[in-house]
Amino acid sequence: MPEPVETTTPEGVDYGWVMQVTFVVTIIAGSPLVALLSTTAELPTWGSRAEFAIRVGAVIWLFVAVGVFVYAKRAQR
């Protein structure tokens, strides 16, 4: 069995976990939310639909990322 090449002792927030949870929660909660919000907007072309999804999805992603980070920071204590 080879010796481990490198070991770490992370301090602080596990950013890998934050990124993974942000990705999963954004897809699970964000997709239905974008679809629901799109019913109230006039989106005649595929370009306008894509632009709407990107703009709304970015806001959702930002709120989810900040929320997950705050949760990880508080759970660390």
C-alpha atoms as a PDB file:
ATOM      1  CA  MET A   1       0.000   0.000   0.000  1.00  0.00           C
ATOM      2  CA  PRO A   2       1.578   3.313  -1.019  1.00  0.00           C
ATOM      3  CA  GLU A   3       1.974   6.105   1.475  1.00  0.00           C
ATOM      4  CA  PRO A   4      -0.430   9.048   1.170  1.00  0.00           C
ATOM      5  CA  VAL A   5       1.107  11.774  -0.948  1.00  0.00           C
ATOM      6  CA  GLU A   6      -0.476  14.621   0.928  1.00  0.00           C
ATOM      7  CA  THR A   7      -2.707  15.192   3.929  1.00  0.00           C
ATOM      8  CA  THR A   8      -4.554  18.307   4.972  1.00  0.00           C
ATOM      9  CA  THR A   9      -6.217  19.581   8.076  1.00  0.00           C
ATOM     10  CA  PRO A  10      -8.743  22.102   6.783  1.00  0.00           C
ATOM     11  CA  GLU A  11      -9.675  25.010   8.970  1.00  0.00           C
ATOM     12  CA  GLY A  12     -12.716  27.119   8.388  1.00  0.00           C
ATOM     13  CA  VAL A  13     -15.545  26.509   5.983  1.00  0.00           C
ATOM     14  CA  ASP A  14     -15.380  23.530   3.615  1.00  0.00           C
ATOM     15  CA  TYR A  15     -15.831  25.377   0.332  1.00  0.00           C
ATOM     16  CA  GLY A  16     -16.144  22.149  -1.654  1.00  0.00           C
ATOM     17  CA  TRP A  17     -19.193  21.194   0.388  1.00  0.00           C
ATOM     18  CA  VAL A  18     -20.620  24.701  -0.006  1.00  0.00           C
ATOM     19  CA  MET A  19     -20.242  24.545  -3.805  1.00  0.00           C
ATOM     20  CA  GLN A  20     -21.783  21.057  -4.056  1.00  0.00           C
ATOM     21  CA  VAL A  21     -24.770  21.893  -1.849  1.00  0.00           C
ATOM     22  CA  THR A  22     -25.277  25.213  -3.658  1.00  0.00           C
ATOM     23  CA  PHE A  23     -25.351  23.387  -7.001  1.00  0.00           C
ATOM     24  CA  VAL A  24     -27.837  20.755  -5.854  1.00  0.00           C
ATOM     25  CA  VAL A  25     -30.168  23.123  -3.988  1.00  0.00           C
ATOM     26  CA  THR A  26     -30.145  25.639  -6.853  1.00  0.00           C
ATOM     27  CA  ILE A  27     -31.210  22.960  -9.327  1.00  0.00           C
ATOM     28  CA  ILE A  28     -33.817  21.370  -7.048  1.00  0.00           C
ATOM     29  CA  ALA A  29     -35.380  24.620  -5.818  1.00  0.00           C
ATOM     30  CA  GLY A  30     -34.389  27.010  -8.601  1.00  0.00           C
ATOM     31  CA  SER A  31     -35.727  25.158 -11.630  1.00  0.00           C
ATOM     32  CA  PRO A  32     -39.333  25.010 -10.419  1.00  0.00           C
ATOM     33  CA  LEU A  33     -39.104  28.608  -9.230  1.00  0.00           C
ATOM     34  CA  VAL A  34     -37.842  29.843 -12.616  1.00  0.00           C
ATOM     35  CA  ALA A  35     -40.586  27.843 -14.360  1.00  0.00           C
ATOM     36  CA  LEU A  36     -43.230  29.293 -12.052  1.00  0.00           C
ATOM     37  CA  LEU A  37     -41.985  32.852 -12.496  1.00  0.00           C
ATOM     38  CA  SER A  38     -41.829  32.435 -16.269  1.00  0.00           C
ATOM     39  CA  THR A  39     -45.597  31.974 -16.408  1.00  0.00           C
ATOM     40  CA  THR A  40     -46.061  35.617 -15.445  1.00  0.00           C
ATOM     41  CA  ALA A  41     -43.644  37.026 -18.045  1.00  0.00           C
ATOM     42  CA  GLU A  42     -44.113  37.471 -21.766  1.00  0.00           C
ATOM     43  CA  LEU A  43     -41.437  35.345 -23.420  1.00  0.00           C
ATOM     44  CA  PRO A  44     -42.164  35.179 -27.165  1.00  0.00           C
ATOM     45  CA  THR A  45     -38.782  33.874 -28.400  1.00  0.00           C
ATOM     46  CA  TRP A  46     -36.315  31.260 -27.271  1.00  0.00           C
ATOM     47  CA  GLY A  47     -33.747  33.993 -26.769  1.00  0.00           C
ATOM     48  CA  SER A  48     -35.979  35.862 -24.349  1.00  0.00           C
ATOM     49  CA  ARG A  49     -36.728  32.624 -22.511  1.00  0.00           C
ATOM     50  CA  ALA A  50     -33.035  31.837 -22.143  1.00  0.00           C
ATOM     51  CA  GLU A  51     -32.258  35.381 -21.021  1.00  0.00           C
ATOM     52  CA  PHE A  52     -35.046  35.231 -18.440  1.00  0.00           C
ATOM     53  CA  ALA A  53     -33.839  31.880 -17.087  1.00  0.00           C
ATOM     54  CA  ILE A  54     -30.252  33.122 -16.826  1.00  0.00           C
ATOM     55  CA  ARG A  55     -31.160  36.372 -15.091  1.00  0.00           C
ATOM     56  CA  VAL A  56     -33.593  34.831 -12.612  1.00  0.00           C
ATOM     57  CA  GLY A  57     -31.376  31.771 -12.093  1.00  0.00           C
ATOM     58  CA  ALA A  58     -28.391  33.952 -11.256  1.00  0.00           C
ATOM     59  CA  VAL A  59     -30.319  35.740  -8.520  1.00  0.00           C
ATOM     60  CA  ILE A  60     -31.550  32.420  -7.112  1.00  0.00           C
ATOM     61  CA  TRP A  61     -28.011  31.005  -7.215  1.00  0.00           C
ATOM     62  CA  LEU A  62     -26.637  34.038  -5.376  1.00  0.00           C
ATOM     63  CA  PHE A  63     -29.181  33.783  -2.562  1.00  0.00           C
ATOM     64  CA  VAL A  64     -28.688  30.021  -2.240  1.00  0.00           C
ATOM     65  CA  ALA A  65     -24.878  30.355  -2.199  1.00  0.00           C
ATOM     66  CA  VAL A  66     -24.930  33.016   0.516  1.00  0.00           C
ATOM     67  CA  GLY A  67     -27.435  31.004   2.554  1.00  0.00           C
ATOM     68  CA  VAL A  68     -25.414  27.793   2.326  1.00  0.00           C
ATOM     69  CA  PHE A  69     -22.214  29.631   3.235  1.00  0.00           C
ATOM     70  CA  VAL A  70     -23.838  31.255   6.281  1.00  0.00           C
ATOM     71  CA  TYR A  71     -25.216  27.867   7.334  1.00  0.00           C
ATOM     72  CA  ALA A  72     -21.778  26.237   6.981  1.00  0.00           C
ATOM     73  CA  LYS A  73     -20.121  29.060   8.911  1.00  0.00           C
ATOM     74  CA  ARG A  74     -22.619  28.793  11.790  1.00  0.00           C
ATOM     75  CA  ALA A  75     -22.555  24.990  11.848  1.00  0.00           C
ATOM     76  CA  GLN A  76     -18.764  25.112  12.124  1.00  0.00           C
ATOM     77  CA  ARG A  77     -18.887  26.671  15.587  1.00  0.00           C
END
